[in-house]
PDB file of all heavy atoms in Angstrom:
ATOM      1  N   VAL A   1    -124.896 123.600-108.097  1.00  0.00           N
ATOM      2  CA  VAL A   1    -124.372 123.800-106.750  1.00  0.00           C
ATOM      3  C   VAL A   1    -125.282 124.786-106.014  1.00  0.00           C
ATOM      4  O   VAL A   1    -125.348 125.966-106.366  1.00  0.00           O
ATOM      5  CB  VAL A   1    -122.923 124.317-106.794  1.00  0.00           C
ATOM      6  CG1 VAL A   1    -122.399 124.552-105.375  1.00  0.00           C
ATOM      7  CG2 VAL A   1    -122.031 123.330-107.544  1.00  0.00           C
ATOM      8  N   LEU A   2    -125.977 124.301-104.990  1.00  0.00           N
ATOM      9  CA  LEU A   2    -126.799 125.182-104.157  1.00  0.00           C
ATOM     10  C   LEU A   2    -125.931 125.866-103.109  1.00  0.00           C
ATOM     11  O   LEU A   2    -125.975 127.090-102.946  1.00  0.00           O
ATOM     12  CB  LEU A   2    -127.917 124.385-103.488  1.00  0.00           C
ATOM     13  CG  LEU A   2    -128.892 123.650-104.432  1.00  0.00           C
ATOM     14  CD1 LEU A   2    -129.949 122.912-103.629  1.00  0.00           C
ATOM     15  CD2 LEU A   2    -129.536 124.633-105.410  1.00  0.00           C
ATOM     16  N   THR A   3    -125.158 125.080-102.389  1.00  0.00           N
ATOM     17  CA  THR A   3    -124.146 125.554-101.456  1.00  0.00           C
ATOM     18  C   THR A   3    -122.969 124.599-101.569  1.00  0.00           C
ATOM     19  O   THR A   3    -123.104 123.501-102.143  1.00  0.00           O
ATOM     20  CB  THR A   3    -124.669 125.573 -99.997  1.00  0.00           C
ATOM     21  OG1 THR A   3    -124.940 124.217 -99.590  1.00  0.00           O
ATOM     22  CG2 THR A   3    -125.929 126.420 -99.874  1.00  0.00           C
ATOM     23  N   PRO A   4    -121.810 124.931-101.027  1.00  0.00           N
ATOM     24  CA  PRO A   4    -120.663 124.023-101.156  1.00  0.00           C
ATOM     25  C   PRO A   4    -120.897 122.626-100.571  1.00  0.00           C
ATOM     26  O   PRO A   4    -120.194 121.689-100.945  1.00  0.00           O
ATOM     27  CB  PRO A   4    -119.547 124.751-100.402  1.00  0.00           C
ATOM     28  CG  PRO A   4    -119.904 126.199-100.533  1.00  0.00           C
ATOM     29  CD  PRO A   4    -121.400 126.230-100.452  1.00  0.00           C
ATOM     30  N   ASP A   5    -121.858 122.473 -99.683  1.00  0.00           N
ATOM     31  CA  ASP A   5    -122.127 121.156 -99.108  1.00  0.00           C
ATOM     32  C   ASP A   5    -123.504 120.606 -99.503  1.00  0.00           C
ATOM     33  O   ASP A   5    -124.015 119.674 -98.887  1.00  0.00           O
ATOM     34  CB  ASP A   5    -121.998 121.190 -97.585  1.00  0.00           C
ATOM     35  CG  ASP A   5    -123.019 122.115 -96.915  1.00  0.00           C
ATOM     36  OD1 ASP A   5    -123.739 122.824 -97.642  1.00  0.00           O
ATOM     37  OD2 ASP A   5    -123.064 122.126 -95.673  1.00  0.00           O
ATOM     38  N   HIS A   6    -124.085 121.182-100.570  1.00  0.00           N
ATOM     39  CA  HIS A   6    -125.395 120.717-101.024  1.00  0.00           C
ATOM     40  C   HIS A   6    -125.508 120.898-102.543  1.00  0.00           C
ATOM     41  O   HIS A   6    -125.570 122.024-103.035  1.00  0.00           O
ATOM     42  CB  HIS A   6    -126.515 121.488-100.314  1.00  0.00           C
ATOM     43  CG  HIS A   6    -127.879 120.919-100.556  1.00  0.00           C
ATOM     44  ND1 HIS A   6    -129.034 121.556-100.125  1.00  0.00           N
ATOM     45  CD2 HIS A   6    -128.281 119.780-101.180  1.00  0.00           C
ATOM     46  CE1 HIS A   6    -130.081 120.820-100.464  1.00  0.00           C
ATOM     47  NE2 HIS A   6    -129.644 119.751-101.109  1.00  0.00           N
ATOM     48  N   LEU A   7    -125.508 119.792-103.250  1.00  0.00           N
ATOM     49  CA  LEU A   7    -125.550 119.805-104.711  1.00  0.00           C
ATOM     50  C   LEU A   7    -126.802 119.067-105.190  1.00  0.00           C
ATOM     51  O   LEU A   7    -127.330 118.192-104.509  1.00  0.00           O
ATOM     52  CB  LEU A   7    -124.314 119.125-105.305  1.00  0.00           C
ATOM     53  CG  LEU A   7    -122.943 119.477-104.700  1.00  0.00           C
ATOM     54  CD1 LEU A   7    -121.848 118.700-105.406  1.00  0.00           C
ATOM     55  CD2 LEU A   7    -122.690 120.961-104.761  1.00  0.00           C
ATOM     56  N   VAL A   8    -127.255 119.433-106.379  1.00  0.00           N
ATOM     57  CA  VAL A   8    -128.383 118.752-107.014  1.00  0.00           C
ATOM     58  C   VAL A   8    -127.917 118.256-108.377  1.00  0.00           C
ATOM     59  O   VAL A   8    -127.280 119.016-109.131  1.00  0.00           O
ATOM     60  CB  VAL A   8    -129.597 119.694-107.189  1.00  0.00           C
ATOM     61  CG1 VAL A   8    -130.757 118.941-107.829  1.00  0.00           C
ATOM     62  CG2 VAL A   8    -130.022 120.272-105.846  1.00  0.00           C
ATOM     63  N   MET A   9    -128.231 117.010-108.719  1.00  0.00           N
ATOM     64  CA  MET A   9    -127.735 116.474-109.982  1.00  0.00           C
ATOM     65  C   MET A   9    -128.794 115.626-110.672  1.00  0.00           C
ATOM     66  O   MET A   9    -129.739 115.128-110.058  1.00  0.00           O
ATOM     67  CB  MET A   9    -126.459 115.648-109.761  1.00  0.00           C
ATOM     68  CG  MET A   9    -126.610 114.490-108.787  1.00  0.00           C
ATOM     69  SD  MET A   9    -125.052 113.599-108.503  1.00  0.00           S
ATOM     70  CE  MET A   9    -124.814 112.793-110.095  1.00  0.00           C
ATOM     71  N   ARG A  10    -128.627 115.492-111.988  1.00  0.00           N
ATOM     72  CA  ARG A  10    -129.442 114.601-112.811  1.00  0.00           C
ATOM     73  C   ARG A  10    -128.506 113.658-113.554  1.00  0.00           C
ATOM     74  O   ARG A  10    -127.378 114.038-113.916  1.00  0.00           O
ATOM     75  CB  ARG A  10    -130.322 115.382-113.781  1.00  0.00           C
ATOM     76  CG  ARG A  10    -131.400 116.206-113.084  1.00  0.00           C
ATOM     77  CD  ARG A  10    -132.182 117.042-114.092  1.00  0.00           C
ATOM     78  NE  ARG A  10    -132.966 116.194-115.000  1.00  0.00           N
ATOM     79  CZ  ARG A  10    -133.564 116.657-116.096  1.00  0.00           C
ATOM     80  NH1 ARG A  10    -133.425 117.938-116.439  1.00  0.00           N
ATOM     81  NH2 ARG A  10    -134.272 115.856-116.863  1.00  0.00           N
ATOM     82  N   VAL A  11    -129.006 112.453-113.794  1.00  0.00           N
ATOM     83  CA  VAL A  11    -128.145 111.358-114.232  1.00  0.00           C
ATOM     84  C   VAL A  11    -128.586 110.794-115.571  1.00  0.00           C
ATOM     85  O   VAL A  11    -129.776 110.530-115.790  1.00  0.00           O
ATOM     86  CB  VAL A  11    -128.164 110.233-113.175  1.00  0.00           C
ATOM     87  CG1 VAL A  11    -127.374 109.019-113.661  1.00  0.00           C
ATOM     88  CG2 VAL A  11    -127.637 110.733-111.837  1.00  0.00           C
ATOM     89  N   TRP A  12    -127.604 110.597-116.446  1.00  0.00           N
ATOM     90  CA  TRP A  12    -127.773 109.778-117.655  1.00  0.00           C
ATOM     91  C   TRP A  12    -126.737 108.663-117.557  1.00  0.00           C
ATOM     92  O   TRP A  12    -125.543 108.911-117.640  1.00  0.00           O
ATOM     93  CB  TRP A  12    -127.559 110.593-118.922  1.00  0.00           C
ATOM     94  CG  TRP A  12    -127.648 109.769-120.182  1.00  0.00           C
ATOM     95  CD1 TRP A  12    -126.665 109.005-120.734  1.00  0.00           C
ATOM     96  CD2 TRP A  12    -128.803 109.600-121.022  1.00  0.00           C
ATOM     97  NE1 TRP A  12    -127.120 108.377-121.871  1.00  0.00           N
ATOM     98  CE2 TRP A  12    -128.427 108.726-122.066  1.00  0.00           C
ATOM     99  CE3 TRP A  12    -130.095 110.102-120.994  1.00  0.00           C
ATOM    100  CZ2 TRP A  12    -129.304 108.354-123.076  1.00  0.00           C
ATOM    101  CZ3 TRP A  12    -130.972 109.719-122.001  1.00  0.00           C
ATOM    102  CH2 TRP A  12    -130.578 108.858-123.029  1.00  0.00           C
ATOM    103  N   GLU A  13    -127.199 107.424-117.371  1.00  0.00           N
ATOM    104  CA  GLU A  13    -126.258 106.324-117.179  1.00  0.00           C
ATOM    105  C   GLU A  13    -125.936 105.629-118.490  1.00  0.00           C
ATOM    106  O   GLU A  13    -126.823 105.374-119.310  1.00  0.00           O
ATOM    107  CB  GLU A  13    -126.823 105.298-116.186  1.00  0.00           C
ATOM    108  CG  GLU A  13    -126.790 105.777-114.745  1.00  0.00           C
ATOM    109  CD  GLU A  13    -126.914 104.631-113.758  1.00  0.00           C
ATOM    110  OE1 GLU A  13    -126.055 103.716-113.809  1.00  0.00           O
ATOM    111  OE2 GLU A  13    -127.848 104.650-112.943  1.00  0.00           O
ATOM    112  N   ARG A  14    -124.677 105.340-118.649  1.00  0.00           N
ATOM    113  CA  ARG A  14    -124.209 104.592-119.808  1.00  0.00           C
ATOM    114  C   ARG A  14    -124.900 103.230-119.870  1.00  0.00           C
ATOM    115  O   ARG A  14    -124.852 102.452-118.932  1.00  0.00           O
ATOM    116  CB  ARG A  14    -122.686 104.404-119.684  1.00  0.00           C
ATOM    117  CG  ARG A  14    -122.033 103.637-120.803  1.00  0.00           C
ATOM    118  CD  ARG A  14    -120.536 103.448-120.560  1.00  0.00           C
ATOM    119  NE  ARG A  14    -120.248 102.775-119.302  1.00  0.00           N
ATOM    120  CZ  ARG A  14    -119.054 102.264-118.971  1.00  0.00           C
ATOM    121  NH1 ARG A  14    -118.034 102.394-119.808  1.00  0.00           N
ATOM    122  NH2 ARG A  14    -118.873 101.670-117.817  1.00  0.00           N
ATOM    123  N   GLY A  15    -125.582 102.987-120.976  1.00  0.00           N
ATOM    124  CA  GLY A  15    -126.244 101.704-121.148  1.00  0.00           C
ATOM    125  C   GLY A  15    -127.619 101.611-120.527  1.00  0.00           C
ATOM    126  O   GLY A  15    -128.287 100.594-120.671  1.00  0.00           O
ATOM    127  N   ALA A  16    -128.070 102.653-119.818  1.00  0.00           N
ATOM    128  CA  ALA A  16    -129.385 102.604-119.169  1.00  0.00           C
ATOM    129  C   ALA A  16    -130.222 103.837-119.445  1.00  0.00           C
ATOM    130  O   ALA A  16    -131.449 103.792-119.342  1.00  0.00           O
ATOM    131  CB  ALA A  16    -129.222 102.422-117.657  1.00  0.00           C
ATOM    132  N   GLY A  17    -129.586 104.978-119.777  1.00  0.00           N
ATOM    133  CA  GLY A  17    -130.325 106.210-120.013  1.00  0.00           C
ATOM    134  C   GLY A  17    -130.621 106.942-118.725  1.00  0.00           C
ATOM    135  O   GLY A  17    -129.882 106.816-117.746  1.00  0.00           O
ATOM    136  N   PRO A  18    -131.700 107.727-118.667  1.00  0.00           N
ATOM    137  CA  PRO A  18    -132.020 108.476-117.451  1.00  0.00           C
ATOM    138  C   PRO A  18    -132.366 107.516-116.313  1.00  0.00           C
ATOM    139  O   PRO A  18    -133.188 106.613-116.480  1.00  0.00           O
ATOM    140  CB  PRO A  18    -133.235 109.319-117.839  1.00  0.00           C
ATOM    141  CG  PRO A  18    -133.281 109.282-119.333  1.00  0.00           C
ATOM    142  CD  PRO A  18    -132.669 107.991-119.750  1.00  0.00           C
ATOM    143  N   THR A  19    -131.729 107.686-115.156  1.00  0.00           N
ATOM    144  CA  THR A  19    -132.067 106.899-113.977  1.00  0.00           C
ATOM    145  C   THR A  19    -132.271 107.843-112.802  1.00  0.00           C
ATOM    146  O   THR A  19    -131.893 109.012-112.850  1.00  0.00           O
ATOM    147  CB  THR A  19    -130.974 105.873-113.633  1.00  0.00           C
ATOM    148  OG1 THR A  19    -129.738 106.547-113.365  1.00  0.00           O
ATOM    149  CG2 THR A  19    -130.771 104.879-114.771  1.00  0.00           C
ATOM    150  N   LEU A  20    -132.856 107.303-111.747  1.00  0.00           N
ATOM    151  CA  LEU A  20    -133.173 108.131-110.583  1.00  0.00           C
ATOM    152  C   LEU A  20    -131.966 108.368-109.691  1.00  0.00           C
ATOM    153  O   LEU A  20    -131.988 109.257-108.843  1.00  0.00           O
ATOM    154  CB  LEU A  20    -134.295 107.482-109.773  1.00  0.00           C
ATOM    155  CG  LEU A  20    -135.640 107.367-110.501  1.00  0.00           C
ATOM    156  CD1 LEU A  20    -136.672 106.686-109.607  1.00  0.00           C
ATOM    157  CD2 LEU A  20    -136.135 108.742-110.937  1.00  0.00           C
ATOM    158  N   ALA A  21    -130.911 107.587-109.871  1.00  0.00           N
ATOM    159  CA  ALA A  21    -129.714 107.771-109.036  1.00  0.00           C
ATOM    160  C   ALA A  21    -128.542 107.026-109.648  1.00  0.00           C
ATOM    161  O   ALA A  21    -128.719 106.075-110.411  1.00  0.00           O
ATOM    162  CB  ALA A  21    -129.971 107.274-107.618  1.00  0.00           C
ATOM    163  N   CYS A  22    -127.336 107.457-109.286  1.00  0.00           N
ATOM    164  CA  CYS A  22    -126.103 106.789-109.704  1.00  0.00           C
ATOM    165  C   CYS A  22    -125.065 107.013-108.612  1.00  0.00           C
ATOM    166  O   CYS A  22    -124.625 108.142-108.407  1.00  0.00           O
ATOM    167  CB  CYS A  22    -125.613 107.325-111.045  1.00  0.00           C
ATOM    168  SG  CYS A  22    -124.053 106.594-111.600  1.00  0.00           S
ATOM    169  N   GLY A  23    -124.705 105.963-107.909  1.00  0.00           N
ATOM    170  CA  GLY A  23    -123.783 106.095-106.788  1.00  0.00           C
ATOM    171  C   GLY A  23    -122.379 106.487-107.207  1.00  0.00           C
ATOM    172  O   GLY A  23    -121.783 107.413-106.640  1.00  0.00           O
ATOM    173  N   THR A  24    -121.829 105.786-108.192  1.00  0.00           N
ATOM    174  CA  THR A  24    -120.492 106.157-108.657  1.00  0.00           C
ATOM    175  C   THR A  24    -120.518 107.564-109.253  1.00  0.00           C
ATOM    176  O   THR A  24    -119.554 108.320-109.140  1.00  0.00           O
ATOM    177  CB  THR A  24    -119.975 105.159-109.706  1.00  0.00           C
ATOM    178  OG1 THR A  24    -120.934 105.039-110.763  1.00  0.00           O
ATOM    179  CG2 THR A  24    -119.727 103.795-109.084  1.00  0.00           C
ATOM    180  N   GLY A  25    -121.650 107.913-109.893  1.00  0.00           N
ATOM    181  CA  GLY A  25    -121.780 109.247-110.470  1.00  0.00           C
ATOM    182  C   GLY A  25    -121.792 110.330-109.419  1.00  0.00           C
ATOM    183  O   GLY A  25    -121.197 111.409-109.603  1.00  0.00           O
ATOM    184  N   ALA A  26    -122.467 110.094-108.292  1.00  0.00           N
ATOM    185  CA  ALA A  26    -122.467 111.064-107.204  1.00  0.00           C
ATOM    186  C   ALA A  26    -121.065 111.254-106.645  1.00  0.00           C
ATOM    187  O   ALA A  26    -120.651 112.373-106.331  1.00  0.00           O
ATOM    188  CB  ALA A  26    -123.436 110.612-106.108  1.00  0.00           C
ATOM    189  N   CYS A  27    -120.323 110.149-106.529  1.00  0.00           N
ATOM    190  CA  CYS A  27    -118.943 110.233-106.049  1.00  0.00           C
ATOM    191  C   CYS A  27    -118.080 111.047-107.010  1.00  0.00           C
ATOM    192  O   CYS A  27    -117.335 111.944-106.602  1.00  0.00           O
ATOM    193  CB  CYS A  27    -118.360 108.835-105.876  1.00  0.00           C
ATOM    194  SG  CYS A  27    -119.143 107.847-104.585  1.00  0.00           S
ATOM    195  N   ALA A  28    -118.164 110.726-108.303  1.00  0.00           N
ATOM    196  CA  ALA A  28    -117.372 111.444-109.299  1.00  0.00           C
ATOM    197  C   ALA A  28    -117.761 112.914-109.356  1.00  0.00           C
ATOM    198  O   ALA A  28    -116.912 113.789-109.547  1.00  0.00           O
ATOM    199  CB  ALA A  28    -117.553 110.790-110.670  1.00  0.00           C
ATOM    200  N   THR A  29    -119.045 113.204-109.188  1.00  0.00           N
ATOM    201  CA  THR A  29    -119.512 114.589-109.236  1.00  0.00           C
ATOM    202  C   THR A  29    -118.967 115.394-108.069  1.00  0.00           C
ATOM    203  O   THR A  29    -118.530 116.543-108.240  1.00  0.00           O
ATOM    204  CB  THR A  29    -121.051 114.624-109.240  1.00  0.00           C
ATOM    205  OG1 THR A  29    -121.521 113.970-110.431  1.00  0.00           O
ATOM    206  CG2 THR A  29    -121.571 116.046-109.217  1.00  0.00           C
ATOM    207  N   LEU A  30    -118.976 114.810-106.876  1.00  0.00           N
ATOM    208  CA  LEU A  30    -118.422 115.513-105.709  1.00  0.00           C
ATOM    209  C   LEU A  30    -116.936 115.778-105.901  1.00  0.00           C
ATOM    210  O   LEU A  30    -116.442 116.885-105.641  1.00  0.00           O
ATOM    211  CB  LEU A  30    -118.668 114.685-104.452  1.00  0.00           C
ATOM    212  CG  LEU A  30    -118.287 115.243-103.080  1.00  0.00           C
ATOM    213  CD1 LEU A  30    -116.817 115.105-102.748  1.00  0.00           C
ATOM    214  CD2 LEU A  30    -118.726 116.712-102.922  1.00  0.00           C
ATOM    215  N   VAL A  31    -116.200 114.780-106.377  1.00  0.00           N
ATOM    216  CA  VAL A  31    -114.756 114.936-106.616  1.00  0.00           C
ATOM    217  C   VAL A  31    -114.503 116.043-107.627  1.00  0.00           C
ATOM    218  O   VAL A  31    -113.667 116.934-107.413  1.00  0.00           O
ATOM    219  CB  VAL A  31    -114.149 113.605-107.090  1.00  0.00           C
ATOM    220  CG1 VAL A  31    -112.733 113.822-107.626  1.00  0.00           C
ATOM    221  CG2 VAL A  31    -114.134 112.593-105.952  1.00  0.00           C
ATOM    222  N   ALA A  32    -115.219 116.002-108.750  1.00  0.00           N
ATOM    223  CA  ALA A  32    -115.020 117.007-109.794  1.00  0.00           C
ATOM    224  C   ALA A  32    -115.366 118.396-109.292  1.00  0.00           C
ATOM    225  O   ALA A  32    -114.615 119.363-109.516  1.00  0.00           O
ATOM    226  CB  ALA A  32    -115.859 116.653-111.020  1.00  0.00           C
ATOM    227  N   CYS A  33    -116.489 118.534-108.601  1.00  0.00           N
ATOM    228  CA  CYS A  33    -116.911 119.852-108.120  1.00  0.00           C
ATOM    229  C   CYS A  33    -115.941 120.386-107.069  1.00  0.00           C
ATOM    230  O   CYS A  33    -115.685 121.599-107.014  1.00  0.00           O
ATOM    231  CB  CYS A  33    -118.328 119.781-107.567  1.00  0.00           C
ATOM    232  SG  CYS A  33    -119.588 119.627-108.856  1.00  0.00           S
ATOM    233  N   HIS A  34    -115.382 119.510-106.243  1.00  0.00           N
ATOM    234  CA  HIS A  34    -114.397 119.989-105.258  1.00  0.00           C
ATOM    235  C   HIS A  34    -113.136 120.495-105.956  1.00  0.00           C
ATOM    236  O   HIS A  34    -112.619 121.576-105.611  1.00  0.00           O
ATOM    237  CB  HIS A  34    -114.035 118.877-104.276  1.00  0.00           C
ATOM    238  CG  HIS A  34    -112.996 119.278-103.289  1.00  0.00           C
ATOM    239  ND1 HIS A  34    -113.243 120.165-102.256  1.00  0.00           N
ATOM    240  CD2 HIS A  34    -111.672 118.957-103.191  1.00  0.00           C
ATOM    241  CE1 HIS A  34    -112.133 120.361-101.554  1.00  0.00           C
ATOM    242  NE2 HIS A  34    -111.165 119.639-102.108  1.00  0.00           N
ATOM    243  N   LEU A  35    -112.642 119.732-106.922  1.00  0.00           N
ATOM    244  CA  LEU A  35    -111.426 120.155-107.623  1.00  0.00           C
ATOM    245  C   LEU A  35    -111.662 121.413-108.458  1.00  0.00           C
ATOM    246  O   LEU A  35    -110.732 122.207-108.671  1.00  0.00           O
ATOM    247  CB  LEU A  35    -110.924 119.021-108.513  1.00  0.00           C
ATOM    248  CG  LEU A  35    -110.369 117.797-107.767  1.00  0.00           C
ATOM    249  CD1 LEU A  35    -110.015 116.685-108.741  1.00  0.00           C
ATOM    250  CD2 LEU A  35    -109.140 118.178-106.933  1.00  0.00           C
ATOM    251  N   LEU A  36    -112.888 121.630-108.894  1.00  0.00           N
ATOM    252  CA  LEU A  36    -113.226 122.844-109.641  1.00  0.00           C
ATOM    253  C   LEU A  36    -113.466 124.042-108.717  1.00  0.00           C
ATOM    254  O   LEU A  36    -113.735 125.150-109.203  1.00  0.00           O
ATOM    255  CB  LEU A  36    -114.464 122.606-110.503  1.00  0.00           C
ATOM    256  CG  LEU A  36    -114.306 121.605-111.659  1.00  0.00           C
ATOM    257  CD1 LEU A  36    -115.667 121.316-112.297  1.00  0.00           C
ATOM    258  CD2 LEU A  36    -113.321 122.105-112.703  1.00  0.00           C
ATOM    259  N   GLY A  37    -113.389 123.800-107.410  1.00  0.00           N
ATOM    260  CA  GLY A  37    -113.578 124.881-106.450  1.00  0.00           C
ATOM    261  C   GLY A  37    -115.030 125.213-106.172  1.00  0.00           C
ATOM    262  O   GLY A  37    -115.335 126.287-105.632  1.00  0.00           O
ATOM    263  N   LEU A  38    -115.937 124.275-106.474  1.00  0.00           N
ATOM    264  CA  LEU A  38    -117.371 124.540-106.329  1.00  0.00           C
ATOM    265  C   LEU A  38    -117.975 123.903-105.079  1.00  0.00           C
ATOM    266  O   LEU A  38    -119.074 124.283-104.671  1.00  0.00           O
ATOM    267  CB  LEU A  38    -118.123 124.019-107.552  1.00  0.00           C
ATOM    268  CG  LEU A  38    -117.697 124.589-108.910  1.00  0.00           C
ATOM    269  CD1 LEU A  38    -118.442 123.874-110.038  1.00  0.00           C
ATOM    270  CD2 LEU A  38    -117.950 126.086-108.954  1.00  0.00           C
ATOM    271  N   ALA A  39    -117.296 122.918-104.483  1.00  0.00           N
ATOM    272  CA  ALA A  39    -117.903 122.162-103.387  1.00  0.00           C
ATOM    273  C   ALA A  39    -116.862 121.769-102.353  1.00  0.00           C
ATOM    274  O   ALA A  39    -115.661 121.738-102.628  1.00  0.00           O
ATOM    275  CB  ALA A  39    -118.594 120.908-103.928  1.00  0.00           C
ATOM    276  N   ASP A  40    -117.344 121.461-101.149  1.00  0.00           N
ATOM    277  CA  ASP A  40    -116.489 120.936-100.085  1.00  0.00           C
ATOM    278  C   ASP A  40    -116.147 119.480-100.367  1.00  0.00           C
ATOM    279  O   ASP A  40    -116.671 118.864-101.301  1.00  0.00           O
ATOM    280  CB  ASP A  40    -117.205 121.045 -98.732  1.00  0.00           C
ATOM    281  CG  ASP A  40    -117.496 122.485 -98.334  1.00  0.00           C
ATOM    282  OD1 ASP A  40    -116.774 123.390 -98.820  1.00  0.00           O
ATOM    283  OD2 ASP A  40    -118.442 122.695 -97.542  1.00  0.00           O
TER     284      ASP A  40
END
């Protein structure tokens, strides 16, 4: 978490390994970080 509205993430996808992006993963990460009090 850089700021509450700016996060940086790295992805390991199930069945694919390291990838450059994951859309569902970005969504889940924002949800989790908001509920943990880390992000907007």
